[in-house]
Amino acid sequence: MQYWPWYDQTRRAIRRVEPLSTEAQHTWVVELLKSGHTYPLAYRAAFAYPTRERLPLLRTRSLFAAVAGDMLAPYAAEAAALAGDARPLDLPEDAAAQAAAIAAFLDGA
């Protein structure tokens, strides 16, 4: 069981997701260890960034895509609305279908 946000360990924050495989957990831990003392810097930067103020300045056609289980999926529509030429996309679970949906966007469809 996971929580989002991770610090909210209440019933409403529970995310029911499949546990990571042993190999995936190993890779994640190794990458975390390789980052050393700089690990928290990226998180602090992401949370401090004024996203809602900066997205309206985006001038490039953009796609905000996420699968339904992604913890940031609920924000895709809001982000697309804030950005000028952007659209949200609920990605299917299937990787091939995801690739096709993204390719369609890139092809201008």
PDB file of N, CA and C in Angstrom:
ATOM      1  N   MET A   1       0.842  -1.164   0.000  1.00  0.00           N
ATOM      2  CA  MET A   1       0.000   0.000   0.000  1.00  0.00           C
ATOM      3  C   MET A   1       0.896   1.239   0.000  1.00  0.00           C
ATOM      4  N   GLN A   2       0.483   2.256  -0.756  1.00  0.00           N
ATOM      5  CA  GLN A   2       1.209   3.510  -0.790  1.00  0.00           C
ATOM      6  C   GLN A   2       0.238   4.644  -0.468  1.00  0.00           C
ATOM      7  N   TYR A   3       0.808   5.789  -0.160  1.00  0.00           N
ATOM      8  CA  TYR A   3      -0.001   6.967   0.132  1.00  0.00           C
ATOM      9  C   TYR A   3       0.408   8.110  -0.788  1.00  0.00           C
ATOM     10  N   TRP A   4      -0.547   8.937  -1.172  1.00  0.00           N
ATOM     11  CA  TRP A   4      -0.251  10.166  -1.904  1.00  0.00           C
ATOM     12  C   TRP A   4      -1.158  11.256  -1.403  1.00  0.00           C
ATOM     13  N   PRO A   5      -0.570  12.344  -0.966  1.00  0.00           N
ATOM     14  CA  PRO A   5       0.878  12.522  -0.793  1.00  0.00           C
ATOM     15  C   PRO A   5       1.405  11.578   0.289  1.00  0.00           C
ATOM     16  N   TRP A   6       2.672  11.236   0.177  1.00  0.00           N
ATOM     17  CA  TRP A   6       3.267  10.211   1.021  1.00  0.00           C
ATOM     18  C   TRP A   6       3.161  10.522   2.507  1.00  0.00           C
ATOM     19  N   TYR A   7       3.081  11.805   2.865  1.00  0.00           N
ATOM     20  CA  TYR A   7       3.043  12.164   4.280  1.00  0.00           C
ATOM     21  C   TYR A   7       1.631  12.056   4.868  1.00  0.00           C
ATOM     22  N   ASP A   8       0.632  11.880   4.026  1.00  0.00           N
ATOM     23  CA  ASP A   8      -0.752  11.779   4.479  1.00  0.00           C
ATOM     24  C   ASP A   8      -1.121  10.304   4.580  1.00  0.00           C
ATOM     25  N   GLN A   9      -0.865   9.704   5.719  1.00  0.00           N
ATOM     26  CA  GLN A   9      -1.117   8.282   5.866  1.00  0.00           C
ATOM     27  C   GLN A   9      -2.492   8.035   6.477  1.00  0.00           C
ATOM     28  N   THR A  10      -3.499   8.650   5.841  1.00  0.00           N
ATOM     29  CA  THR A  10      -4.883   8.453   6.245  1.00  0.00           C
ATOM     30  C   THR A  10      -5.587   7.595   5.198  1.00  0.00           C
ATOM     31  N   ARG A  11      -6.785   7.164   5.520  1.00  0.00           N
ATOM     32  CA  ARG A  11      -7.552   6.307   4.609  1.00  0.00           C
ATOM     33  C   ARG A  11      -7.767   6.963   3.246  1.00  0.00           C
ATOM     34  N   ARG A  12      -8.038   8.275   3.226  1.00  0.00           N
ATOM     35  CA  ARG A  12      -8.328   8.938   1.951  1.00  0.00           C
ATOM     36  C   ARG A  12      -7.101   9.054   1.043  1.00  0.00           C
ATOM     37  N   ALA A  13      -5.904   8.908   1.585  1.00  0.00           N
ATOM     38  CA  ALA A  13      -4.682   9.043   0.787  1.00  0.00           C
ATOM     39  C   ALA A  13      -4.131   7.700   0.318  1.00  0.00           C
ATOM     40  N   ILE A  14      -4.806   6.613   0.630  1.00  0.00           N
ATOM     41  CA  ILE A  14      -4.313   5.292   0.224  1.00  0.00           C
ATOM     42  C   ILE A  14      -4.374   5.140  -1.287  1.00  0.00           C
ATOM     43  N   ARG A  15      -3.285   4.671  -1.851  1.00  0.00           N
ATOM     44  CA  ARG A  15      -3.221   4.322  -3.285  1.00  0.00           C
ATOM     45  C   ARG A  15      -3.026   2.828  -3.364  1.00  0.00           C
ATOM     46  N   ARG A  16      -3.967   2.151  -3.946  1.00  0.00           N
ATOM     47  CA  ARG A  16      -3.846   0.698  -4.088  1.00  0.00           C
ATOM     48  C   ARG A  16      -3.114   0.408  -5.404  1.00  0.00           C
ATOM     49  N   VAL A  17      -1.855   0.087  -5.273  1.00  0.00           N
ATOM     50  CA  VAL A  17      -1.015  -0.191  -6.438  1.00  0.00           C
ATOM     51  C   VAL A  17      -0.307  -1.520  -6.229  1.00  0.00           C
ATOM     52  N   GLU A  18       0.069  -2.126  -7.332  1.00  0.00           N
ATOM     53  CA  GLU A  18       0.835  -3.367  -7.259  1.00  0.00           C
ATOM     54  C   GLU A  18       2.211  -3.067  -6.674  1.00  0.00           C
ATOM     55  N   PRO A  19       2.715  -3.945  -5.818  1.00  0.00           N
ATOM     56  CA  PRO A  19       4.069  -3.718  -5.291  1.00  0.00           C
ATOM     57  C   PRO A  19       5.104  -3.845  -6.406  1.00  0.00           C
ATOM     58  N   LEU A  20       6.202  -3.135  -6.240  1.00  0.00           N
ATOM     59  CA  LEU A  20       7.294  -3.222  -7.208  1.00  0.00           C
ATOM     60  C   LEU A  20       7.925  -4.610  -7.155  1.00  0.00           C
ATOM     61  N   SER A  21       8.412  -5.050  -8.286  1.00  0.00           N
ATOM     62  CA  SER A  21       9.143  -6.318  -8.313  1.00  0.00           C
ATOM     63  C   SER A  21      10.449  -6.147  -7.541  1.00  0.00           C
ATOM     64  N   THR A  22      11.049  -7.253  -7.186  1.00  0.00           N
ATOM     65  CA  THR A  22      12.330  -7.202  -6.479  1.00  0.00           C
ATOM     66  C   THR A  22      13.373  -6.461  -7.308  1.00  0.00           C
ATOM     67  N   GLU A  23      13.389  -6.719  -8.617  1.00  0.00           N
ATOM     68  CA  GLU A  23      14.366  -6.065  -9.494  1.00  0.00           C
ATOM     69  C   GLU A  23      14.130  -4.556  -9.550  1.00  0.00           C
ATOM     70  N   ALA A  24      12.871  -4.159  -9.655  1.00  0.00           N
ATOM     71  CA  ALA A  24      12.549  -2.732  -9.719  1.00  0.00           C
ATOM     72  C   ALA A  24      12.905  -2.038  -8.406  1.00  0.00           C
ATOM     73  N   GLN A  25      12.626  -2.695  -7.281  1.00  0.00           N
ATOM     74  CA  GLN A  25      12.992  -2.111  -5.985  1.00  0.00           C
ATOM     75  C   GLN A  25      14.500  -1.974  -5.862  1.00  0.00           C
ATOM     76  N   HIS A  26      15.225  -2.979  -6.306  1.00  0.00           N
ATOM     77  CA  HIS A  26      16.682  -2.925  -6.256  1.00  0.00           C
ATOM     78  C   HIS A  26      17.205  -1.736  -7.065  1.00  0.00           C
ATOM     79  N   THR A  27      16.687  -1.582  -8.281  1.00  0.00           N
ATOM     80  CA  THR A  27      17.113  -0.463  -9.138  1.00  0.00           C
ATOM     81  C   THR A  27      16.802   0.867  -8.464  1.00  0.00           C
ATOM     82  N   TRP A  28      15.610   0.993  -7.907  1.00  0.00           N
ATOM     83  CA  TRP A  28      15.201   2.238  -7.244  1.00  0.00           C
ATOM     84  C   TRP A  28      16.138   2.555  -6.078  1.00  0.00           C
ATOM     85  N   VAL A  29      16.427   1.559  -5.247  1.00  0.00           N
ATOM     86  CA  VAL A  29      17.295   1.783  -4.085  1.00  0.00           C
ATOM     87  C   VAL A  29      18.712   2.134  -4.518  1.00  0.00           C
ATOM     88  N   VAL A  30      19.233   1.448  -5.517  1.00  0.00           N
ATOM     89  CA  VAL A  30      20.585   1.753  -5.998  1.00  0.00           C
ATOM     90  C   VAL A  30      20.647   3.188  -6.509  1.00  0.00           C
ATOM     91  N   GLU A  31      19.658   3.599  -7.299  1.00  0.00           N
ATOM     92  CA  GLU A  31      19.646   4.970  -7.810  1.00  0.00           C
ATOM     93  C   GLU A  31      19.524   5.985  -6.668  1.00  0.00           C
ATOM     94  N   LEU A  32      18.726   5.668  -5.681  1.00  0.00           N
ATOM     95  CA  LEU A  32      18.599   6.543  -4.512  1.00  0.00           C
ATOM     96  C   LEU A  32      19.937   6.674  -3.795  1.00  0.00           C
ATOM     97  N   LEU A  33      20.612   5.559  -3.595  1.00  0.00           N
ATOM     98  CA  LEU A  33      21.909   5.595  -2.924  1.00  0.00           C
ATOM     99  C   LEU A  33      22.951   6.356  -3.740  1.00  0.00           C
ATOM    100  N   LYS A  34      22.903   6.226  -5.063  1.00  0.00           N
ATOM    101  CA  LYS A  34      23.860   6.936  -5.919  1.00  0.00           C
ATOM    102  C   LYS A  34      23.665   8.448  -5.841  1.00  0.00           C
ATOM    103  N   SER A  35      22.446   8.885  -5.549  1.00  0.00           N
ATOM    104  CA  SER A  35      22.198  10.330  -5.497  1.00  0.00           C
ATOM    105  C   SER A  35      22.778  10.966  -4.242  1.00  0.00           C
ATOM    106  N   GLY A  36      23.061  10.147  -3.242  1.00  0.00           N
ATOM    107  CA  GLY A  36      23.697  10.653  -2.031  1.00  0.00           C
ATOM    108  C   GLY A  36      22.909  11.769  -1.363  1.00  0.00           C
ATOM    109  N   HIS A  37      23.615  12.768  -0.920  1.00  0.00           N
ATOM    110  CA  HIS A  37      22.992  13.855  -0.178  1.00  0.00           C
ATOM    111  C   HIS A  37      22.207  14.819  -1.072  1.00  0.00           C
ATOM    112  N   THR A  38      22.282  14.663  -2.386  1.00  0.00           N
ATOM    113  CA  THR A  38      21.556  15.580  -3.271  1.00  0.00           C
ATOM    114  C   THR A  38      20.116  15.138  -3.537  1.00  0.00           C
ATOM    115  N   TYR A  39      19.725  13.958  -3.076  1.00  0.00           N
ATOM    116  CA  TYR A  39      18.390  13.427  -3.346  1.00  0.00           C
ATOM    117  C   TYR A  39      17.266  14.414  -3.033  1.00  0.00           C
ATOM    118  N   PRO A  40      17.264  15.048  -1.875  1.00  0.00           N
ATOM    119  CA  PRO A  40      16.133  15.938  -1.557  1.00  0.00           C
ATOM    120  C   PRO A  40      16.089  17.225  -2.382  1.00  0.00           C
ATOM    121  N   LEU A  41      17.171  17.580  -3.040  1.00  0.00           N
ATOM    122  CA  LEU A  41      17.196  18.844  -3.773  1.00  0.00           C
ATOM    123  C   LEU A  41      16.166  18.881  -4.897  1.00  0.00           C
ATOM    124  N   ALA A  42      16.046  17.805  -5.637  1.00  0.00           N
ATOM    125  CA  ALA A  42      15.082  17.765  -6.741  1.00  0.00           C
ATOM    126  C   ALA A  42      13.649  17.851  -6.215  1.00  0.00           C
ATOM    127  N   TYR A  43      13.363  17.176  -5.115  1.00  0.00           N
ATOM    128  CA  TYR A  43      12.022  17.249  -4.548  1.00  0.00           C
ATOM    129  C   TYR A  43      11.705  18.653  -4.072  1.00  0.00           C
ATOM    130  N   ARG A  44      12.632  19.266  -3.388  1.00  0.00           N
ATOM    131  CA  ARG A  44      12.408  20.642  -2.924  1.00  0.00           C
ATOM    132  C   ARG A  44      12.178  21.578  -4.102  1.00  0.00           C
ATOM    133  N   ALA A  45      12.961  21.421  -5.158  1.00  0.00           N
ATOM    134  CA  ALA A  45      12.811  22.271  -6.340  1.00  0.00           C
ATOM    135  C   ALA A  45      11.451  22.067  -6.983  1.00  0.00           C
ATOM    136  N   ALA A  46      11.022  20.833  -7.106  1.00  0.00           N
ATOM    137  CA  ALA A  46       9.721  20.547  -7.731  1.00  0.00           C
ATOM    138  C   ALA A  46       8.583  21.151  -6.927  1.00  0.00           C
ATOM    139  N   PHE A  47       8.624  21.052  -5.620  1.00  0.00           N
ATOM    140  CA  PHE A  47       7.536  21.578  -4.792  1.00  0.00           C
ATOM    141  C   PHE A  47       7.594  23.090  -4.641  1.00  0.00           C
ATOM    142  N   ALA A  48       8.760  23.667  -4.812  1.00  0.00           N
ATOM    143  CA  ALA A  48       8.887  25.120  -4.692  1.00  0.00           C
ATOM    144  C   ALA A  48       8.581  25.842  -6.003  1.00  0.00           C
ATOM    145  N   TYR A  49       8.610  25.122  -7.121  1.00  0.00           N
ATOM    146  CA  TYR A  49       8.416  25.741  -8.434  1.00  0.00           C
ATOM    147  C   TYR A  49       6.989  26.274  -8.572  1.00  0.00           C
ATOM    148  N   PRO A  50       6.818  27.519  -9.028  1.00  0.00           N
ATOM    149  CA  PRO A  50       5.473  28.107  -9.149  1.00  0.00           C
ATOM    150  C   PRO A  50       4.756  27.638 -10.435  1.00  0.00           C
ATOM    151  N   THR A  51       4.400  26.383 -10.473  1.00  0.00           N
ATOM    152  CA  THR A  51       3.856  25.760 -11.687  1.00  0.00           C
ATOM    153  C   THR A  51       2.643  26.490 -12.229  1.00  0.00           C
ATOM    154  N   ARG A  52       1.676  26.811 -11.380  1.00  0.00           N
ATOM    155  CA  ARG A  52       0.447  27.469 -11.861  1.00  0.00           C
ATOM    156  C   ARG A  52       0.729  28.853 -12.454  1.00  0.00           C
ATOM    157  N   GLU A  53       1.756  29.504 -11.996  1.00  0.00           N
ATOM    158  CA  GLU A  53       2.107  30.808 -12.557  1.00  0.00           C
ATOM    159  C   GLU A  53       2.923  30.681 -13.839  1.00  0.00           C
ATOM    160  N   ARG A  54       3.682  29.608 -13.969  1.00  0.00           N
ATOM    161  CA  ARG A  54       4.570  29.453 -15.125  1.00  0.00           C
ATOM    162  C   ARG A  54       3.917  28.762 -16.320  1.00  0.00           C
ATOM    163  N   LEU A  55       2.961  27.886 -16.091  1.00  0.00           N
ATOM    164  CA  LEU A  55       2.347  27.170 -17.211  1.00  0.00           C
ATOM    165  C   LEU A  55       1.708  28.088 -18.252  1.00  0.00           C
ATOM    166  N   PRO A  56       1.075  29.195 -17.883  1.00  0.00           N
ATOM    167  CA  PRO A  56       0.520  30.072 -18.917  1.00  0.00           C
ATOM    168  C   PRO A  56       1.579  30.664 -19.858  1.00  0.00           C
ATOM    169  N   LEU A  57       2.836  30.605 -19.475  1.00  0.00           N
ATOM    170  CA  LEU A  57       3.914  31.118 -20.317  1.00  0.00           C
ATOM    171  C   LEU A  57       4.387  30.087 -21.343  1.00  0.00           C
ATOM    172  N   LEU A  58       3.897  28.865 -21.242  1.00  0.00           N
ATOM    173  CA  LEU A  58       4.278  27.806 -22.173  1.00  0.00           C
ATOM    174  C   LEU A  58       3.700  28.101 -23.550  1.00  0.00           C
ATOM    175  N   ARG A  59       4.536  28.171 -24.555  1.00  0.00           N
ATOM    176  CA  ARG A  59       4.106  28.545 -25.905  1.00  0.00           C
ATOM    177  C   ARG A  59       4.164  27.386 -26.896  1.00  0.00           C
ATOM    178  N   THR A  60       4.619  26.240 -26.455  1.00  0.00           N
ATOM    179  CA  THR A  60       4.765  25.082 -27.324  1.00  0.00           C
ATOM    180  C   THR A  60       3.574  24.144 -27.153  1.00  0.00           C
ATOM    181  N   ARG A  61       3.087  23.610 -28.263  1.00  0.00           N
ATOM    182  CA  ARG A  61       2.004  22.630 -28.189  1.00  0.00           C
ATOM    183  C   ARG A  61       2.450  21.515 -27.251  1.00  0.00           C
ATOM    184  N   SER A  62       1.621  21.194 -26.288  1.00  0.00           N
ATOM    185  CA  SER A  62       2.036  20.280 -25.226  1.00  0.00           C
ATOM    186  C   SER A  62       0.960  19.252 -24.922  1.00  0.00           C
ATOM    187  N   LEU A  63       1.409  18.155 -24.375  1.00  0.00           N
ATOM    188  CA  LEU A  63       0.530  17.070 -23.980  1.00  0.00           C
ATOM    189  C   LEU A  63       0.790  16.752 -22.520  1.00  0.00           C
ATOM    190  N   PHE A  64      -0.260  16.714 -21.736  1.00  0.00           N
ATOM    191  CA  PHE A  64      -0.158  16.330 -20.334  1.00  0.00           C
ATOM    192  C   PHE A  64      -0.843  14.979 -20.214  1.00  0.00           C
ATOM    193  N   ALA A  65      -0.046  13.925 -20.128  1.00  0.00           N
ATOM    194  CA  ALA A  65      -0.574  12.568 -20.189  1.00  0.00           C
ATOM    195  C   ALA A  65      -0.220  11.780 -18.942  1.00  0.00           C
ATOM    196  N   ALA A  66      -1.155  10.926 -18.533  1.00  0.00           N
ATOM    197  CA  ALA A  66      -0.918  10.061 -17.381  1.00  0.00           C
ATOM    198  C   ALA A  66      -1.896   8.898 -17.422  1.00  0.00           C
ATOM    199  N   VAL A  67      -1.482   7.783 -16.864  1.00  0.00           N
ATOM    200  CA  VAL A  67      -2.402   6.655 -16.707  1.00  0.00           C
ATOM    201  C   VAL A  67      -3.271   6.926 -15.484  1.00  0.00           C
ATOM    202  N   ALA A  68      -4.411   6.267 -15.423  1.00  0.00           N
ATOM    203  CA  ALA A  68      -5.379   6.530 -14.358  1.00  0.00           C
ATOM    204  C   ALA A  68      -4.787   6.378 -12.960  1.00  0.00           C
ATOM    205  N   GLY A  69      -3.896   5.427 -12.746  1.00  0.00           N
ATOM    206  CA  GLY A  69      -3.341   5.204 -11.415  1.00  0.00           C
ATOM    207  C   GLY A  69      -2.228   6.151 -11.021  1.00  0.00           C
ATOM    208  N   ASP A  70      -1.778   6.980 -11.947  1.00  0.00           N
ATOM    209  CA  ASP A  70      -0.689   7.916 -11.661  1.00  0.00           C
ATOM    210  C   ASP A  70      -1.163   8.939 -10.640  1.00  0.00           C
ATOM    211  N   MET A  71      -0.356   9.189  -9.637  1.00  0.00           N
ATOM    212  CA  MET A  71      -0.760  10.114  -8.574  1.00  0.00           C
ATOM    213  C   MET A  71      -0.928  11.557  -9.071  1.00  0.00           C
ATOM    214  N   LEU A  72      -0.335  11.867 -10.210  1.00  0.00           N
ATOM    215  CA  LEU A  72      -0.472  13.214 -10.753  1.00  0.00           C
ATOM    216  C   LEU A  72      -1.542  13.315 -11.839  1.00  0.00           C
ATOM    217  N   ALA A  73      -2.164  12.202 -12.188  1.00  0.00           N
ATOM    218  CA  ALA A  73      -3.184  12.191 -13.241  1.00  0.00           C
ATOM    219  C   ALA A  73      -4.313  13.201 -13.009  1.00  0.00           C
ATOM    220  N   PRO A  74      -4.783  13.388 -11.787  1.00  0.00           N
ATOM    221  CA  PRO A  74      -5.874  14.353 -11.593  1.00  0.00           C
ATOM    222  C   PRO A  74      -5.499  15.796 -11.954  1.00  0.00           C
ATOM    223  N   TYR A  75      -4.226  16.079 -12.081  1.00  0.00           N
ATOM    224  CA  TYR A  75      -3.789  17.440 -12.365  1.00  0.00           C
ATOM    225  C   TYR A  75      -3.533  17.707 -13.847  1.00  0.00           C
ATOM    226  N   ALA A  76      -3.612  16.683 -14.680  1.00  0.00           N
ATOM    227  CA  ALA A  76      -3.310  16.846 -16.104  1.00  0.00           C
ATOM    228  C   ALA A  76      -4.256  17.827 -16.774  1.00  0.00           C
ATOM    229  N   ALA A  77      -5.546  17.724 -16.501  1.00  0.00           N
ATOM    230  CA  ALA A  77      -6.518  18.626 -17.123  1.00  0.00           C
ATOM    231  C   ALA A  77      -6.288  20.065 -16.666  1.00  0.00           C
ATOM    232  N   GLU A  78      -6.011  20.246 -15.393  1.00  0.00           N
ATOM    233  CA  GLU A  78      -5.740  21.598 -14.890  1.00  0.00           C
ATOM    234  C   GLU A  78      -4.489  22.180 -15.535  1.00  0.00           C
ATOM    235  N   ALA A  79      -3.443  21.382 -15.641  1.00  0.00           N
ATOM    236  CA  ALA A  79      -2.198  21.851 -16.256  1.00  0.00           C
ATOM    237  C   ALA A  79      -2.433  22.223 -17.711  1.00  0.00           C
ATOM    238  N   ALA A  80      -3.180  21.395 -18.431  1.00  0.00           N
ATOM    239  CA  ALA A  80      -3.454  21.682 -19.844  1.00  0.00           C
ATOM    240  C   ALA A  80      -4.279  22.951 -19.993  1.00  0.00           C
ATOM    241  N   ALA A  81      -5.201  23.179 -19.083  1.00  0.00           N
ATOM    242  CA  ALA A  81      -6.027  24.388 -19.148  1.00  0.00           C
ATOM    243  C   ALA A  81      -5.193  25.639 -18.879  1.00  0.00           C
ATOM    244  N   LEU A  82      -4.217  25.524 -17.999  1.00  0.00           N
ATOM    245  CA  LEU A  82      -3.362  26.668 -17.681  1.00  0.00           C
ATOM    246  C   LEU A  82      -2.393  26.977 -18.819  1.00  0.00           C
ATOM    247  N   ALA A  83      -1.921  25.946 -19.473  1.00  0.00           N
ATOM    248  CA  ALA A  83      -0.984  26.145 -20.585  1.00  0.00           C
ATOM    249  C   ALA A  83      -1.780  26.565 -21.820  1.00  0.00           C
ATOM    250  N   GLY A  84      -1.144  27.294 -22.690  1.00  0.00           N
ATOM    251  CA  GLY A  84      -1.842  27.809 -23.856  1.00  0.00           C
ATOM    252  C   GLY A  84      -2.312  26.750 -24.832  1.00  0.00           C
ATOM    253  N   ASP A  85      -1.418  26.122 -25.520  1.00  0.00           N
ATOM    254  CA  ASP A  85      -1.749  25.159 -26.565  1.00  0.00           C
ATOM    255  C   ASP A  85      -1.454  23.757 -26.044  1.00  0.00           C
ATOM    256  N   ALA A  86      -2.295  23.287 -25.157  1.00  0.00           N
ATOM    257  CA  ALA A  86      -2.039  21.996 -24.521  1.00  0.00           C
ATOM    258  C   ALA A  86      -3.335  21.219 -24.392  1.00  0.00           C
ATOM    259  N   ARG A  87      -3.177  19.912 -24.242  1.00  0.00           N
ATOM    260  CA  ARG A  87      -4.352  19.097 -23.984  1.00  0.00           C
ATOM    261  C   ARG A  87      -3.985  17.973 -23.031  1.00  0.00           C
ATOM    262  N   PRO A  88      -4.958  17.562 -22.212  1.00  0.00           N
ATOM    263  CA  PRO A  88      -4.723  16.422 -21.326  1.00  0.00           C
ATOM    264  C   PRO A  88      -5.023  15.122 -22.069  1.00  0.00           C
ATOM    265  N   LEU A  89      -4.434  14.051 -21.614  1.00  0.00           N
ATOM    266  CA  LEU A  89      -4.694  12.753 -22.218  1.00  0.00           C
ATOM    267  C   LEU A  89      -4.659  11.687 -21.134  1.00  0.00           C
ATOM    268  N   ASP A  90      -5.767  10.967 -20.994  1.00  0.00           N
ATOM    269  CA  ASP A  90      -5.797   9.808 -20.103  1.00  0.00           C
ATOM    270  C   ASP A  90      -5.235   8.632 -20.880  1.00  0.00           C
ATOM    271  N   LEU A  91      -4.067   8.189 -20.490  1.00  0.00           N
ATOM    272  CA  LEU A  91      -3.405   7.106 -21.211  1.00  0.00           C
ATOM    273  C   LEU A  91      -4.010   5.757 -20.827  1.00  0.00           C
ATOM    274  N   PRO A  92      -4.127   4.861 -21.797  1.00  0.00           N
ATOM    275  CA  PRO A  92      -4.554   3.499 -21.472  1.00  0.00           C
ATOM    276  C   PRO A  92      -3.437   2.770 -20.729  1.00  0.00           C
ATOM    277  N   GLU A  93      -3.755   1.647 -20.146  1.00  0.00           N
ATOM    278  CA  GLU A  93      -2.757   0.874 -19.400  1.00  0.00           C
ATOM    279  C   GLU A  93      -1.750   0.192 -20.327  1.00  0.00           C
ATOM    280  N   ASP A  94      -2.190  -0.229 -21.492  1.00  0.00           N
ATOM    281  CA  ASP A  94      -1.360  -0.968 -22.429  1.00  0.00           C
ATOM    282  C   ASP A  94      -0.264  -0.081 -23.025  1.00  0.00           C
ATOM    283  N   ALA A  95       0.980  -0.541 -22.955  1.00  0.00           N
ATOM    284  CA  ALA A  95       2.113   0.257 -23.424  1.00  0.00           C
ATOM    285  C   ALA A  95       2.025   0.558 -24.919  1.00  0.00           C
ATOM    286  N   ALA A  96       1.580  -0.393 -25.712  1.00  0.00           N
ATOM    287  CA  ALA A  96       1.465  -0.158 -27.154  1.00  0.00           C
ATOM    288  C   ALA A  96       0.388   0.893 -27.441  1.00  0.00           C
ATOM    289  N   ALA A  97      -0.702   0.829 -26.712  1.00  0.00           N
ATOM    290  CA  ALA A  97      -1.766   1.822 -26.889  1.00  0.00           C
ATOM    291  C   ALA A  97      -1.301   3.198 -26.420  1.00  0.00           C
ATOM    292  N   GLN A  98      -0.498   3.237 -25.370  1.00  0.00           N
ATOM    293  CA  GLN A  98       0.078   4.504 -24.910  1.00  0.00           C
ATOM    294  C   GLN A  98       0.952   5.104 -26.001  1.00  0.00           C
ATOM    295  N   ALA A  99       1.816   4.277 -26.566  1.00  0.00           N
ATOM    296  CA  ALA A  99       2.711   4.753 -27.625  1.00  0.00           C
ATOM    297  C   ALA A  99       1.914   5.265 -28.815  1.00  0.00           C
ATOM    298  N   ALA A 100       0.843   4.575 -29.178  1.00  0.00           N
ATOM    299  CA  ALA A 100       0.010   5.005 -30.303  1.00  0.00           C
ATOM    300  C   ALA A 100      -0.667   6.340 -30.006  1.00  0.00           C
ATOM    301  N   ALA A 101      -1.150   6.516 -28.777  1.00  0.00           N
ATOM    302  CA  ALA A 101      -1.814   7.770 -28.408  1.00  0.00           C
ATOM    303  C   ALA A 101      -0.831   8.936 -28.428  1.00  0.00           C
ATOM    304  N   ILE A 102       0.359   8.716 -27.933  1.00  0.00           N
ATOM    305  CA  ILE A 102       1.374   9.772 -27.927  1.00  0.00           C
ATOM    306  C   ILE A 102       1.841  10.061 -29.355  1.00  0.00           C
ATOM    307  N   ALA A 103       2.012   9.020 -30.149  1.00  0.00           N
ATOM    308  CA  ALA A 103       2.401   9.214 -31.553  1.00  0.00           C
ATOM    309  C   ALA A 103       1.352  10.010 -32.307  1.00  0.00           C
ATOM    310  N   ALA A 104       0.082   9.751 -32.033  1.00  0.00           N
ATOM    311  CA  ALA A 104      -0.996  10.504 -32.685  1.00  0.00           C
ATOM    312  C   ALA A 104      -0.898  11.978 -32.334  1.00  0.00           C
ATOM    313  N   PHE A 105      -0.593  12.278 -31.078  1.00  0.00           N
ATOM    314  CA  PHE A 105      -0.420  13.676 -30.682  1.00  0.00           C
ATOM    315  C   PHE A 105       0.767  14.281 -31.419  1.00  0.00           C
ATOM    316  N   LEU A 106       1.875  13.581 -31.436  1.00  0.00           N
ATOM    317  CA  LEU A 106       3.070  14.098 -32.099  1.00  0.00           C
ATOM    318  C   LEU A 106       2.885  14.276 -33.604  1.00  0.00           C
ATOM    319  N   ASP A 107       2.032  13.435 -34.183  1.00  0.00           N
ATOM    320  CA  ASP A 107       1.732  13.548 -35.606  1.00  0.00           C
ATOM    321  C   ASP A 107       0.725  14.668 -35.904  1.00  0.00           C
ATOM    322  N   GLY A 108       0.235  15.296 -34.857  1.00  0.00           N
ATOM    323  CA  GLY A 108      -0.690  16.412 -35.037  1.00  0.00           C
ATOM    324  C   GLY A 108      -2.155  16.053 -35.045  1.00  0.00           C
ATOM    325  N   ALA A 109      -2.465  14.802 -34.734  1.00  0.00           N
ATOM    326  CA  ALA A 109      -3.861  14.368 -34.726  1.00  0.00           C
ATOM    327  C   ALA A 109      -4.588  14.873 -33.494  1.00  0.00           C
TER     328      ALA A 109
END
